[in-house]
Amino acid sequence: MKNKVLYPVIAKEYNDDGHYFVVTSPNVQGMIVEGDTLEEAIEEASFDIADWFEVKGKIERVADPSKWHLEKDEKLVYVPVNLTNFYKKYGKTVRKNISVPEYLANWAKENKINVSRVASDALKALQEQRA
């Protein structure tokens, strides 16, 4: 499990009423953050995206940023998002009993295969596929 992901956002520099940066993302509806520097705006975006994941209860799949329409004064920036709090809230393990054919259970035991890990990995892959 990764504790950080890079999340694409759109950054724009403004000089109209002072000098500041605004960061938005088509992936995070309603997110508009700003900072006096690009670094400050990115840091605010990082916190907002992490909070958004916590509110949604899942890590959202990112729309392909190569398909985003950027204005000439906008640029694509990748924001590091810390997932530690998300995993503390949603990452706990729960016990589920599953039934498998006996020959597969024996084979898994002989080959030291963790059936819970295989089931979890398969479910994660299916979740990503359907997102």
N, C-alpha and C. Protein backbone atom coordinates (compact mmCIF):
# COMPACT_ATOMS: atom_id res chain seq x y z
N MET A 1 0.83 -1.17 0.00
CA MET A 1 0.00 0.00 0.00
C MET A 1 0.89 1.24 0.00
N LYS A 2 0.68 2.11 -0.97
CA LYS A 2 1.45 3.35 -1.03
C LYS A 2 0.87 4.37 -0.05
N ASN A 3 1.76 5.09 0.61
CA ASN A 3 1.29 6.15 1.51
C ASN A 3 1.16 7.49 0.81
N LYS A 4 1.68 7.57 -0.41
CA LYS A 4 1.55 8.81 -1.18
C LYS A 4 1.23 8.47 -2.63
N VAL A 5 0.44 9.32 -3.25
CA VAL A 5 0.17 9.23 -4.68
C VAL A 5 0.39 10.61 -5.29
N LEU A 6 0.70 10.63 -6.57
CA LEU A 6 0.80 11.89 -7.29
C LEU A 6 -0.51 12.12 -8.01
N TYR A 7 -1.10 13.27 -7.79
CA TYR A 7 -2.41 13.58 -8.34
C TYR A 7 -2.30 14.80 -9.24
N PRO A 8 -2.77 14.73 -10.48
CA PRO A 8 -2.63 15.86 -11.40
C PRO A 8 -3.62 16.98 -11.09
N VAL A 9 -3.14 18.20 -11.20
CA VAL A 9 -3.97 19.39 -11.01
C VAL A 9 -3.57 20.43 -12.06
N ILE A 10 -4.36 21.47 -12.15
CA ILE A 10 -4.07 22.57 -13.08
C ILE A 10 -3.71 23.79 -12.25
N ALA A 11 -2.55 24.38 -12.54
CA ALA A 11 -2.09 25.57 -11.83
C ALA A 11 -2.08 26.76 -12.78
N LYS A 12 -2.47 27.90 -12.24
CA LYS A 12 -2.49 29.13 -13.03
C LYS A 12 -1.96 30.28 -12.18
N GLU A 13 -1.09 31.07 -12.78
CA GLU A 13 -0.51 32.22 -12.09
C GLU A 13 -1.32 33.47 -12.41
N TYR A 14 -1.58 34.27 -11.39
CA TYR A 14 -2.34 35.52 -11.57
C TYR A 14 -1.50 36.70 -11.10
N ASN A 15 -1.66 37.82 -11.81
CA ASN A 15 -1.00 39.07 -11.43
C ASN A 15 -1.98 40.23 -11.43
N ASP A 16 -3.27 39.94 -11.37
CA ASP A 16 -4.28 40.99 -11.50
C ASP A 16 -4.44 41.83 -10.23
N ASP A 17 -4.61 41.20 -9.10
CA ASP A 17 -4.80 41.91 -7.84
C ASP A 17 -3.74 41.40 -6.86
N GLY A 18 -2.50 41.62 -7.22
CA GLY A 18 -1.38 41.04 -6.49
C GLY A 18 -0.85 39.86 -7.28
N HIS A 19 0.04 39.11 -6.67
CA HIS A 19 0.63 37.95 -7.35
C HIS A 19 0.29 36.70 -6.54
N TYR A 20 -0.37 35.73 -7.19
CA TYR A 20 -0.76 34.50 -6.50
C TYR A 20 -0.99 33.40 -7.53
N PHE A 21 -1.16 32.18 -7.03
CA PHE A 21 -1.41 31.01 -7.86
C PHE A 21 -2.72 30.36 -7.45
N VAL A 22 -3.44 29.84 -8.43
CA VAL A 22 -4.69 29.12 -8.18
C VAL A 22 -4.54 27.72 -8.74
N VAL A 23 -4.98 26.73 -7.96
CA VAL A 23 -4.91 25.33 -8.38
C VAL A 23 -6.33 24.75 -8.37
N THR A 24 -6.69 24.08 -9.47
CA THR A 24 -7.98 23.40 -9.60
C THR A 24 -7.73 22.00 -10.14
N SER A 25 -8.78 21.19 -10.14
CA SER A 25 -8.66 19.85 -10.73
C SER A 25 -10.02 19.40 -11.25
N PRO A 26 -10.08 18.96 -12.51
CA PRO A 26 -11.32 18.39 -13.02
C PRO A 26 -11.75 17.14 -12.25
N ASN A 27 -10.81 16.50 -11.56
CA ASN A 27 -11.11 15.29 -10.80
C ASN A 27 -11.78 15.58 -9.46
N VAL A 28 -11.52 16.76 -8.91
CA VAL A 28 -12.04 17.09 -7.58
C VAL A 28 -13.02 18.24 -7.74
N GLN A 29 -14.28 17.89 -7.85
CA GLN A 29 -15.32 18.88 -8.11
C GLN A 29 -15.33 19.97 -7.05
N GLY A 30 -15.25 21.21 -7.50
CA GLY A 30 -15.33 22.36 -6.61
C GLY A 30 -14.04 22.76 -5.93
N MET A 31 -12.94 22.04 -6.18
CA MET A 31 -11.68 22.39 -5.52
C MET A 31 -11.05 23.59 -6.21
N ILE A 32 -10.90 24.65 -5.46
CA ILE A 32 -10.17 25.84 -5.92
C ILE A 32 -9.35 26.30 -4.72
N VAL A 33 -8.04 26.19 -4.83
CA VAL A 33 -7.17 26.64 -3.75
C VAL A 33 -6.18 27.64 -4.31
N GLU A 34 -5.67 28.48 -3.43
CA GLU A 34 -4.68 29.45 -3.90
C GLU A 34 -3.58 29.60 -2.88
N GLY A 35 -2.48 30.18 -3.35
CA GLY A 35 -1.34 30.45 -2.48
C GLY A 35 -0.52 31.57 -3.06
N ASP A 36 0.26 32.21 -2.21
CA ASP A 36 1.14 33.29 -2.68
C ASP A 36 2.21 32.76 -3.62
N THR A 37 2.60 31.49 -3.41
CA THR A 37 3.58 30.85 -4.30
C THR A 37 2.95 29.57 -4.85
N LEU A 38 3.55 29.04 -5.89
CA LEU A 38 3.06 27.78 -6.45
C LEU A 38 3.16 26.67 -5.40
N GLU A 39 4.24 26.67 -4.64
CA GLU A 39 4.43 25.65 -3.61
C GLU A 39 3.32 25.69 -2.56
N GLU A 40 2.93 26.90 -2.15
CA GLU A 40 1.83 27.03 -1.17
C GLU A 40 0.52 26.52 -1.75
N ALA A 41 0.24 26.86 -2.99
CA ALA A 41 -1.00 26.41 -3.63
C ALA A 41 -1.02 24.89 -3.77
N ILE A 42 0.13 24.30 -4.12
CA ILE A 42 0.22 22.84 -4.25
C ILE A 42 0.02 22.17 -2.90
N GLU A 43 0.59 22.74 -1.85
CA GLU A 43 0.43 22.18 -0.52
C GLU A 43 -1.05 22.20 -0.10
N GLU A 44 -1.73 23.31 -0.36
CA GLU A 44 -3.16 23.41 -0.05
C GLU A 44 -3.96 22.38 -0.85
N ALA A 45 -3.61 22.23 -2.13
CA ALA A 45 -4.30 21.24 -2.97
C ALA A 45 -4.09 19.83 -2.43
N SER A 46 -2.89 19.55 -1.96
CA SER A 46 -2.58 18.24 -1.40
C SER A 46 -3.50 17.92 -0.22
N PHE A 47 -3.67 18.89 0.69
CA PHE A 47 -4.56 18.70 1.84
C PHE A 47 -6.01 18.53 1.39
N ASP A 48 -6.44 19.35 0.43
CA ASP A 48 -7.83 19.27 -0.04
C ASP A 48 -8.13 17.92 -0.69
N ILE A 49 -7.21 17.44 -1.50
CA ILE A 49 -7.42 16.16 -2.18
C ILE A 49 -7.47 15.02 -1.16
N ALA A 50 -6.57 15.04 -0.18
CA ALA A 50 -6.58 14.01 0.87
C ALA A 50 -7.90 14.04 1.63
N ASP A 51 -8.37 15.24 1.96
CA ASP A 51 -9.67 15.37 2.64
C ASP A 51 -10.81 14.85 1.77
N TRP A 52 -10.74 15.14 0.48
CA TRP A 52 -11.76 14.69 -0.47
C TRP A 52 -11.83 13.17 -0.49
N PHE A 53 -10.66 12.50 -0.50
CA PHE A 53 -10.63 11.03 -0.46
C PHE A 53 -11.32 10.53 0.81
N GLU A 54 -11.03 11.19 1.94
CA GLU A 54 -11.62 10.76 3.21
C GLU A 54 -13.14 10.92 3.20
N VAL A 55 -13.62 12.02 2.65
CA VAL A 55 -15.07 12.26 2.58
C VAL A 55 -15.73 11.23 1.67
N LYS A 56 -15.11 10.94 0.52
CA LYS A 56 -15.67 9.98 -0.43
C LYS A 56 -15.56 8.54 0.09
N GLY A 57 -14.59 8.29 0.96
CA GLY A 57 -14.38 6.95 1.48
C GLY A 57 -13.66 6.04 0.51
N LYS A 58 -13.08 6.62 -0.52
CA LYS A 58 -12.30 5.84 -1.48
C LYS A 58 -11.36 6.77 -2.23
N ILE A 59 -10.35 6.16 -2.81
CA ILE A 59 -9.39 6.92 -3.61
C ILE A 59 -9.91 6.91 -5.03
N GLU A 60 -10.24 8.07 -5.52
CA GLU A 60 -10.83 8.19 -6.85
C GLU A 60 -9.80 7.96 -7.95
N ARG A 61 -10.23 7.29 -8.98
CA ARG A 61 -9.40 7.13 -10.17
C ARG A 61 -9.29 8.48 -10.87
N VAL A 62 -8.11 8.76 -11.38
CA VAL A 62 -7.84 10.06 -12.01
C VAL A 62 -8.23 10.02 -13.48
N ALA A 63 -8.95 11.06 -13.92
CA ALA A 63 -9.22 11.21 -15.35
C ALA A 63 -7.89 11.49 -16.04
N ASP A 64 -7.74 11.02 -17.25
CA ASP A 64 -6.50 11.17 -18.00
C ASP A 64 -6.20 12.65 -18.24
N PRO A 65 -5.14 13.19 -17.62
CA PRO A 65 -4.85 14.62 -17.77
C PRO A 65 -4.44 15.01 -19.19
N SER A 66 -4.03 14.06 -20.01
CA SER A 66 -3.67 14.40 -21.39
C SER A 66 -4.90 14.82 -22.19
N LYS A 67 -6.08 14.52 -21.67
CA LYS A 67 -7.33 14.90 -22.35
C LYS A 67 -7.91 16.20 -21.82
N TRP A 68 -7.25 16.80 -20.83
CA TRP A 68 -7.71 18.06 -20.28
C TRP A 68 -7.38 19.19 -21.24
N HIS A 69 -8.27 20.15 -21.32
CA HIS A 69 -8.01 21.33 -22.15
C HIS A 69 -7.40 22.41 -21.24
N LEU A 70 -6.14 22.72 -21.49
CA LEU A 70 -5.46 23.75 -20.70
C LEU A 70 -5.38 25.04 -21.50
N GLU A 71 -5.63 26.14 -20.82
CA GLU A 71 -5.44 27.44 -21.46
C GLU A 71 -3.94 27.71 -21.54
N LYS A 72 -3.55 28.68 -22.35
CA LYS A 72 -2.12 28.89 -22.58
C LYS A 72 -1.36 29.29 -21.32
N ASP A 73 -2.04 29.89 -20.35
CA ASP A 73 -1.35 30.30 -19.12
C ASP A 73 -1.54 29.30 -17.97
N GLU A 74 -2.07 28.12 -18.28
CA GLU A 74 -2.23 27.07 -17.28
C GLU A 74 -1.20 25.98 -17.50
N LYS A 75 -0.83 25.30 -16.41
CA LYS A 75 0.10 24.18 -16.57
C LYS A 75 -0.33 23.01 -15.69
N LEU A 76 0.02 21.84 -16.16
CA LEU A 76 -0.27 20.61 -15.43
C LEU A 76 0.82 20.41 -14.38
N VAL A 77 0.39 20.16 -13.15
CA VAL A 77 1.31 19.95 -12.04
C VAL A 77 0.84 18.70 -11.30
N TYR A 78 1.79 17.90 -10.83
CA TYR A 78 1.44 16.72 -10.04
C TYR A 78 1.66 17.01 -8.56
N VAL A 79 0.62 16.79 -7.77
CA VAL A 79 0.62 17.09 -6.35
C VAL A 79 0.82 15.79 -5.56
N PRO A 80 1.79 15.75 -4.63
CA PRO A 80 1.91 14.57 -3.77
C PRO A 80 0.82 14.60 -2.70
N VAL A 81 0.05 13.52 -2.62
CA VAL A 81 -1.06 13.45 -1.66
C VAL A 81 -0.75 12.35 -0.65
N ASN A 82 -0.73 12.72 0.63
CA ASN A 82 -0.44 11.79 1.70
C ASN A 82 -1.71 11.01 2.05
N LEU A 83 -1.62 9.69 1.98
CA LEU A 83 -2.79 8.83 2.21
C LEU A 83 -2.82 8.20 3.60
N THR A 84 -1.89 8.59 4.46
CA THR A 84 -1.79 7.96 5.78
C THR A 84 -3.10 8.03 6.56
N ASN A 85 -3.71 9.21 6.64
CA ASN A 85 -4.97 9.34 7.39
C ASN A 85 -6.10 8.56 6.74
N PHE A 86 -6.12 8.52 5.40
CA PHE A 86 -7.14 7.75 4.69
C PHE A 86 -7.05 6.28 5.08
N TYR A 87 -5.82 5.73 5.05
CA TYR A 87 -5.66 4.32 5.37
C TYR A 87 -5.94 4.03 6.85
N LYS A 88 -5.67 5.00 7.72
CA LYS A 88 -6.02 4.79 9.13
C LYS A 88 -7.53 4.66 9.30
N LYS A 89 -8.26 5.44 8.51
CA LYS A 89 -9.71 5.44 8.62
C LYS A 89 -10.35 4.27 7.87
N TYR A 90 -9.85 3.97 6.67
CA TYR A 90 -10.52 2.99 5.81
C TYR A 90 -9.70 1.73 5.54
N GLY A 91 -8.49 1.66 6.03
CA GLY A 91 -7.61 0.56 5.67
C GLY A 91 -7.59 -0.62 6.61
N LYS A 92 -8.48 -0.62 7.59
CA LYS A 92 -8.44 -1.75 8.53
C LYS A 92 -8.88 -3.04 7.84
N THR A 93 -8.37 -4.12 8.32
CA THR A 93 -8.67 -5.43 7.77
C THR A 93 -9.88 -6.02 8.48
N VAL A 94 -10.77 -6.63 7.70
CA VAL A 94 -11.92 -7.32 8.28
C VAL A 94 -11.84 -8.79 7.88
N ARG A 95 -12.37 -9.63 8.71
CA ARG A 95 -12.32 -11.07 8.46
C ARG A 95 -13.52 -11.48 7.60
N LYS A 96 -13.23 -12.21 6.51
CA LYS A 96 -14.27 -12.76 5.64
C LYS A 96 -13.93 -14.24 5.40
N ASN A 97 -14.89 -15.09 5.60
CA ASN A 97 -14.68 -16.51 5.31
C ASN A 97 -15.09 -16.76 3.87
N ILE A 98 -14.22 -17.45 3.13
CA ILE A 98 -14.55 -17.80 1.75
C ILE A 98 -14.43 -19.31 1.57
N SER A 99 -15.15 -19.83 0.62
CA SER A 99 -15.09 -21.26 0.30
C SER A 99 -14.32 -21.44 -0.99
N VAL A 100 -13.37 -22.36 -0.97
CA VAL A 100 -12.61 -22.71 -2.17
C VAL A 100 -12.59 -24.23 -2.27
N PRO A 101 -12.45 -24.75 -3.47
CA PRO A 101 -12.36 -26.21 -3.60
C PRO A 101 -11.19 -26.75 -2.77
N GLU A 102 -11.38 -27.92 -2.20
CA GLU A 102 -10.37 -28.50 -1.32
C GLU A 102 -9.02 -28.67 -2.01
N TYR A 103 -9.03 -29.08 -3.27
CA TYR A 103 -7.75 -29.29 -3.95
C TYR A 103 -6.98 -27.97 -4.09
N LEU A 104 -7.71 -26.84 -4.28
CA LEU A 104 -7.03 -25.55 -4.35
C LEU A 104 -6.51 -25.13 -2.98
N ALA A 105 -7.28 -25.39 -1.94
CA ALA A 105 -6.82 -25.07 -0.59
C ALA A 105 -5.55 -25.86 -0.26
N ASN A 106 -5.53 -27.14 -0.63
CA ASN A 106 -4.34 -27.97 -0.40
C ASN A 106 -3.16 -27.46 -1.22
N TRP A 107 -3.40 -27.15 -2.47
CA TRP A 107 -2.33 -26.63 -3.34
C TRP A 107 -1.76 -25.33 -2.78
N ALA A 108 -2.65 -24.42 -2.34
CA ALA A 108 -2.19 -23.14 -1.78
C ALA A 108 -1.34 -23.38 -0.53
N LYS A 109 -1.77 -24.31 0.31
CA LYS A 109 -1.02 -24.61 1.53
C LYS A 109 0.35 -25.19 1.19
N GLU A 110 0.39 -26.14 0.26
CA GLU A 110 1.66 -26.76 -0.15
C GLU A 110 2.63 -25.73 -0.73
N ASN A 111 2.09 -24.75 -1.41
CA ASN A 111 2.93 -23.74 -2.08
C ASN A 111 3.07 -22.45 -1.26
N LYS A 112 2.64 -22.53 -0.01
CA LYS A 112 2.75 -21.39 0.92
C LYS A 112 2.16 -20.11 0.33
N ILE A 113 0.97 -20.24 -0.23
CA ILE A 113 0.27 -19.10 -0.82
C ILE A 113 -0.76 -18.59 0.19
N ASN A 114 -0.73 -17.31 0.43
CA ASN A 114 -1.65 -16.66 1.35
C ASN A 114 -2.96 -16.39 0.60
N VAL A 115 -3.98 -17.19 0.88
CA VAL A 115 -5.26 -17.09 0.17
C VAL A 115 -5.93 -15.74 0.42
N SER A 116 -5.81 -15.23 1.63
CA SER A 116 -6.38 -13.91 1.93
C SER A 116 -5.74 -12.83 1.06
N ARG A 117 -4.42 -12.90 0.90
CA ARG A 117 -3.71 -11.92 0.08
C ARG A 117 -4.16 -12.03 -1.38
N VAL A 118 -4.27 -13.25 -1.88
CA VAL A 118 -4.71 -13.45 -3.27
C VAL A 118 -6.11 -12.90 -3.47
N ALA A 119 -7.01 -13.17 -2.53
CA ALA A 119 -8.39 -12.67 -2.64
C ALA A 119 -8.41 -11.15 -2.57
N SER A 120 -7.64 -10.56 -1.66
CA SER A 120 -7.58 -9.09 -1.55
C SER A 120 -7.03 -8.47 -2.82
N ASP A 121 -5.95 -9.03 -3.36
CA ASP A 121 -5.36 -8.50 -4.59
C ASP A 121 -6.33 -8.60 -5.76
N ALA A 122 -7.05 -9.72 -5.84
CA ALA A 122 -8.02 -9.90 -6.92
C ALA A 122 -9.17 -8.89 -6.79
N LEU A 123 -9.64 -8.65 -5.58
CA LEU A 123 -10.71 -7.68 -5.37
C LEU A 123 -10.25 -6.26 -5.69
N LYS A 124 -9.02 -5.91 -5.31
CA LYS A 124 -8.48 -4.58 -5.63
C LYS A 124 -8.39 -4.39 -7.14
N ALA A 125 -7.91 -5.41 -7.85
CA ALA A 125 -7.80 -5.33 -9.31
C ALA A 125 -9.17 -5.17 -9.94
N LEU A 126 -10.15 -5.89 -9.45
CA LEU A 126 -11.52 -5.78 -9.96
C LEU A 126 -12.09 -4.39 -9.68
N GLN A 127 -11.82 -3.87 -8.49
CA GLN A 127 -12.29 -2.53 -8.13
C GLN A 127 -11.69 -1.48 -9.07
N GLU A 128 -10.39 -1.56 -9.34
CA GLU A 128 -9.74 -0.61 -10.25
C GLU A 128 -10.30 -0.73 -11.66
N GLN A 129 -10.56 -1.94 -12.08
CA GLN A 129 -11.09 -2.19 -13.41
C GLN A 129 -12.47 -1.56 -13.59
N ARG A 130 -13.27 -1.59 -12.54
CA ARG A 130 -14.64 -1.09 -12.62
C ARG A 130 -14.78 0.38 -12.27
N ALA A 131 -13.71 0.99 -11.78
CA ALA A 131 -13.78 2.41 -11.38
C ALA A 131 -13.85 3.32 -12.59
